[in-house]
Amino acid sequence: MKANGDVAYEVTDLLLPDPITELNRYAKETGKNTGSLNKRPGSKVQKGGSKDKALNFVRSKIRKETGKPEGQRKKVKGAKSNEKNTGLQKKIDKLKSKRAYADRAKKAGFKSTQDYTNTVARYGSESNYKKGKGLGT
């Protein structure tokens, strides 16, 4: 309370309406857009695509042929993913490539893969090392 009896309000006491819902409500009630990136202010609000029947027909034909986009498909509970590189598959592929690299190092006659890596780095690549190119040649 203030000295003369007036009540002091804090900023948190005032509740302002959410501007997004207010804009949407205006468009629904009046049938006119308030203006956005792609729509002019005052243009008509319409649902269900274009007014051009031929365009709607072609769009629906294309949609039936191609099906729903990836983001709009419903998930099936318990279904496996078709993607090759899921988490487990990535780990398996990484382990296989690591073992193949270790086998190449052993075949080249190195005691450790780190020695092989250092030598290959000096040559620039494995193909240069195998050809004998690099190191100033």
C-alpha atoms as a PDB file:
ATOM      1  CA  MET A   1       0.000   0.000   0.000  1.00  0.00           C
ATOM      2  CA  LYS A   2       1.058   3.500  -0.652  1.00  0.00           C
ATOM      3  CA  ALA A   3       0.948   6.321   1.881  1.00  0.00           C
ATOM      4  CA  ASN A   4      -2.329   7.809   0.615  1.00  0.00           C
ATOM      5  CA  GLY A   5      -4.180   4.455   0.503  1.00  0.00           C
ATOM      6  CA  ASP A   6      -3.667   3.585  -3.185  1.00  0.00           C
ATOM      7  CA  VAL A   7      -2.813  -0.029  -3.985  1.00  0.00           C
ATOM      8  CA  ALA A   8       0.509  -0.592  -5.719  1.00  0.00           C
ATOM      9  CA  TYR A   9       0.449  -3.173  -8.521  1.00  0.00           C
ATOM     10  CA  GLU A  10       3.443  -5.143  -9.615  1.00  0.00           C
ATOM     11  CA  VAL A  11       4.192  -5.861 -13.238  1.00  0.00           C
ATOM     12  CA  THR A  12       3.621  -9.583 -12.627  1.00  0.00           C
ATOM     13  CA  ASP A  13       0.041  -8.887 -11.512  1.00  0.00           C
ATOM     14  CA  LEU A  14      -0.958  -7.782 -15.023  1.00  0.00           C
ATOM     15  CA  LEU A  15      -1.817 -10.645 -17.351  1.00  0.00           C
ATOM     16  CA  LEU A  16      -1.485  -9.853 -21.018  1.00  0.00           C
ATOM     17  CA  PRO A  17      -3.202 -12.010 -23.660  1.00  0.00           C
ATOM     18  CA  ASP A  18      -1.001 -14.163 -25.854  1.00  0.00           C
ATOM     19  CA  PRO A  19      -0.573 -12.217 -29.116  1.00  0.00           C
ATOM     20  CA  ILE A  20      -0.424 -15.361 -31.291  1.00  0.00           C
ATOM     21  CA  THR A  21      -3.794 -16.705 -30.151  1.00  0.00           C
ATOM     22  CA  GLU A  22      -5.304 -13.238 -30.457  1.00  0.00           C
ATOM     23  CA  LEU A  23      -4.164 -12.997 -34.079  1.00  0.00           C
ATOM     24  CA  ASN A  24      -5.518 -16.453 -34.835  1.00  0.00           C
ATOM     25  CA  ARG A  25      -8.820 -15.630 -33.139  1.00  0.00           C
ATOM     26  CA  TYR A  26      -9.142 -12.432 -35.186  1.00  0.00           C
ATOM     27  CA  ALA A  27      -8.619 -14.361 -38.407  1.00  0.00           C
ATOM     28  CA  LYS A  28     -11.172 -17.015 -37.410  1.00  0.00           C
ATOM     29  CA  GLU A  29     -13.814 -14.511 -36.328  1.00  0.00           C
ATOM     30  CA  THR A  30     -13.497 -12.013 -39.175  1.00  0.00           C
ATOM     31  CA  GLY A  31     -12.339 -14.274 -41.992  1.00  0.00           C
ATOM     32  CA  LYS A  32      -9.492 -11.862 -42.747  1.00  0.00           C
ATOM     33  CA  ASN A  33      -5.776 -12.304 -42.175  1.00  0.00           C
ATOM     34  CA  THR A  34      -3.844  -9.850 -40.046  1.00  0.00           C
ATOM     35  CA  GLY A  35      -0.835 -10.092 -42.347  1.00  0.00           C
ATOM     36  CA  SER A  36       2.219 -12.295 -42.218  1.00  0.00           C
ATOM     37  CA  LEU A  37       5.221 -13.212 -44.311  1.00  0.00           C
ATOM     38  CA  ASN A  38       3.209 -14.802 -47.132  1.00  0.00           C
ATOM     39  CA  LYS A  39      -0.219 -13.212 -46.734  1.00  0.00           C
ATOM     40  CA  ARG A  40      -1.293  -9.609 -47.181  1.00  0.00           C
ATOM     41  CA  PRO A  41      -3.302  -8.017 -44.362  1.00  0.00           C
ATOM     42  CA  GLY A  42      -7.036  -8.245 -45.004  1.00  0.00           C
ATOM     43  CA  SER A  43      -6.832 -11.136 -47.469  1.00  0.00           C
ATOM     44  CA  LYS A  44      -9.458 -13.859 -47.103  1.00  0.00           C
ATOM     45  CA  VAL A  45      -8.903 -16.861 -44.852  1.00  0.00           C
ATOM     46  CA  GLN A  46      -9.676 -20.140 -46.607  1.00  0.00           C
ATOM     47  CA  LYS A  47      -9.364 -23.790 -45.765  1.00  0.00           C
ATOM     48  CA  GLY A  48      -8.894 -26.796 -47.996  1.00  0.00           C
ATOM     49  CA  GLY A  49      -6.281 -25.699 -50.503  1.00  0.00           C
ATOM     50  CA  SER A  50      -6.848 -23.723 -53.653  1.00  0.00           C
ATOM     51  CA  LYS A  51     -10.185 -22.709 -55.166  1.00  0.00           C
ATOM     52  CA  ASP A  52      -8.960 -24.083 -58.490  1.00  0.00           C
ATOM     53  CA  LYS A  53     -10.604 -27.510 -58.793  1.00  0.00           C
ATOM     54  CA  ALA A  54      -8.144 -28.771 -61.413  1.00  0.00           C
ATOM     55  CA  LEU A  55      -5.204 -27.881 -59.192  1.00  0.00           C
ATOM     56  CA  ASN A  56      -6.774 -29.654 -56.203  1.00  0.00           C
ATOM     57  CA  PHE A  57      -7.441 -32.723 -58.373  1.00  0.00           C
ATOM     58  CA  VAL A  58      -3.836 -32.907 -59.561  1.00  0.00           C
ATOM     59  CA  ARG A  59      -2.478 -32.364 -56.043  1.00  0.00           C
ATOM     60  CA  SER A  60      -4.626 -35.178 -54.656  1.00  0.00           C
ATOM     61  CA  LYS A  61      -3.529 -37.503 -57.500  1.00  0.00           C
ATOM     62  CA  ILE A  62       0.132 -36.776 -56.790  1.00  0.00           C
ATOM     63  CA  ARG A  63      -0.410 -37.270 -53.068  1.00  0.00           C
ATOM     64  CA  LYS A  64      -2.025 -40.672 -53.661  1.00  0.00           C
ATOM     65  CA  GLU A  65       0.910 -41.783 -55.856  1.00  0.00           C
ATOM     66  CA  THR A  66       3.725 -40.558 -53.614  1.00  0.00           C
ATOM     67  CA  GLY A  67       2.071 -41.185 -50.256  1.00  0.00           C
ATOM     68  CA  LYS A  68       2.529 -39.100 -47.148  1.00  0.00           C
ATOM     69  CA  PRO A  69       5.847 -37.369 -46.502  1.00  0.00           C
ATOM     70  CA  GLU A  70       8.164 -38.861 -43.873  1.00  0.00           C
ATOM     71  CA  GLY A  71       7.156 -36.451 -41.123  1.00  0.00           C
ATOM     72  CA  GLN A  72       3.429 -37.087 -41.548  1.00  0.00           C
ATOM     73  CA  ARG A  73       3.464 -40.888 -41.410  1.00  0.00           C
ATOM     74  CA  LYS A  74       2.141 -42.502 -38.266  1.00  0.00           C
ATOM     75  CA  LYS A  75       4.596 -44.541 -36.240  1.00  0.00           C
ATOM     76  CA  VAL A  76       3.941 -48.249 -35.877  1.00  0.00           C
ATOM     77  CA  LYS A  77       4.629 -49.488 -32.378  1.00  0.00           C
ATOM     78  CA  GLY A  78       7.417 -52.060 -32.276  1.00  0.00           C
ATOM     79  CA  ALA A  79       8.361 -51.676 -35.950  1.00  0.00           C
ATOM     80  CA  LYS A  80      12.033 -51.786 -36.875  1.00  0.00           C
ATOM     81  CA  SER A  81      13.625 -48.866 -38.667  1.00  0.00           C
ATOM     82  CA  ASN A  82      14.582 -49.273 -42.328  1.00  0.00           C
ATOM     83  CA  GLU A  83      17.576 -46.991 -41.966  1.00  0.00           C
ATOM     84  CA  LYS A  84      20.904 -48.740 -42.307  1.00  0.00           C
ATOM     85  CA  ASN A  85      22.893 -46.563 -39.934  1.00  0.00           C
ATOM     86  CA  THR A  86      20.974 -46.746 -36.700  1.00  0.00           C
ATOM     87  CA  GLY A  87      22.891 -46.515 -33.437  1.00  0.00           C
ATOM     88  CA  LEU A  88      23.813 -50.201 -33.162  1.00  0.00           C
ATOM     89  CA  GLN A  89      24.597 -50.511 -36.864  1.00  0.00           C
ATOM     90  CA  LYS A  90      26.950 -47.519 -36.680  1.00  0.00           C
ATOM     91  CA  LYS A  91      28.858 -49.137 -33.824  1.00  0.00           C
ATOM     92  CA  ILE A  92      29.130 -52.430 -35.716  1.00  0.00           C
ATOM     93  CA  ASP A  93      30.380 -50.675 -38.873  1.00  0.00           C
ATOM     94  CA  LYS A  94      32.919 -48.668 -36.875  1.00  0.00           C
ATOM     95  CA  LEU A  95      34.241 -51.820 -35.180  1.00  0.00           C
ATOM     96  CA  LYS A  96      34.537 -53.628 -38.540  1.00  0.00           C
ATOM     97  CA  SER A  97      36.499 -50.750 -40.092  1.00  0.00           C
ATOM     98  CA  LYS A  98      38.762 -50.563 -37.037  1.00  0.00           C
ATOM     99  CA  ARG A  99      39.523 -54.292 -37.251  1.00  0.00           C
ATOM    100  CA  ALA A 100      40.154 -54.054 -41.009  1.00  0.00           C
ATOM    101  CA  TYR A 101      42.617 -51.201 -40.404  1.00  0.00           C
ATOM    102  CA  ALA A 102      44.411 -53.246 -37.729  1.00  0.00           C
ATOM    103  CA  ASP A 103      44.645 -56.170 -40.161  1.00  0.00           C
ATOM    104  CA  ARG A 104      46.188 -53.908 -42.822  1.00  0.00           C
ATOM    105  CA  ALA A 105      48.734 -52.654 -40.285  1.00  0.00           C
ATOM    106  CA  LYS A 106      49.634 -56.219 -39.284  1.00  0.00           C
ATOM    107  CA  LYS A 107      49.908 -57.291 -42.919  1.00  0.00           C
ATOM    108  CA  ALA A 108      52.279 -54.372 -43.605  1.00  0.00           C
ATOM    109  CA  GLY A 109      54.543 -55.684 -40.822  1.00  0.00           C
ATOM    110  CA  PHE A 110      54.010 -53.072 -38.114  1.00  0.00           C
ATOM    111  CA  LYS A 111      53.965 -53.954 -34.410  1.00  0.00           C
ATOM    112  CA  SER A 112      51.128 -51.565 -33.610  1.00  0.00           C
ATOM    113  CA  THR A 113      48.432 -49.730 -35.522  1.00  0.00           C
ATOM    114  CA  GLN A 114      49.766 -46.428 -34.192  1.00  0.00           C
ATOM    115  CA  ASP A 115      53.145 -47.011 -35.895  1.00  0.00           C
ATOM    116  CA  TYR A 116      51.313 -47.785 -39.129  1.00  0.00           C
ATOM    117  CA  THR A 117      49.174 -44.648 -38.734  1.00  0.00           C
ATOM    118  CA  ASN A 118      52.246 -42.465 -38.185  1.00  0.00           C
ATOM    119  CA  THR A 119      54.000 -43.879 -41.259  1.00  0.00           C
ATOM    120  CA  VAL A 120      50.915 -43.497 -43.450  1.00  0.00           C
ATOM    121  CA  ALA A 121      50.533 -39.903 -42.215  1.00  0.00           C
ATOM    122  CA  ARG A 122      54.082 -39.097 -43.349  1.00  0.00           C
ATOM    123  CA  TYR A 123      53.290 -40.469 -46.816  1.00  0.00           C
ATOM    124  CA  GLY A 124      49.953 -38.648 -47.002  1.00  0.00           C
ATOM    125  CA  SER A 125      47.705 -41.667 -47.615  1.00  0.00           C
ATOM    126  CA  GLU A 126      47.693 -45.449 -47.651  1.00  0.00           C
ATOM    127  CA  SER A 127      47.813 -45.532 -51.442  1.00  0.00           C
ATOM    128  CA  ASN A 128      50.917 -43.298 -51.468  1.00  0.00           C
ATOM    129  CA  TYR A 129      52.548 -45.541 -48.849  1.00  0.00           C
ATOM    130  CA  LYS A 130      51.851 -48.655 -50.931  1.00  0.00           C
ATOM    131  CA  LYS A 131      53.213 -46.981 -54.100  1.00  0.00           C
ATOM    132  CA  GLY A 132      56.237 -45.640 -52.283  1.00  0.00           C
ATOM    133  CA  LYS A 133      55.383 -42.043 -53.109  1.00  0.00           C
ATOM    134  CA  GLY A 134      55.790 -39.287 -50.576  1.00  0.00           C
ATOM    135  CA  LEU A 135      58.554 -38.274 -48.160  1.00  0.00           C
ATOM    136  CA  GLY A 136      60.047 -35.978 -50.780  1.00  0.00           C
ATOM    137  CA  THR A 137      60.003 -38.422 -53.723  1.00  0.00           C
END
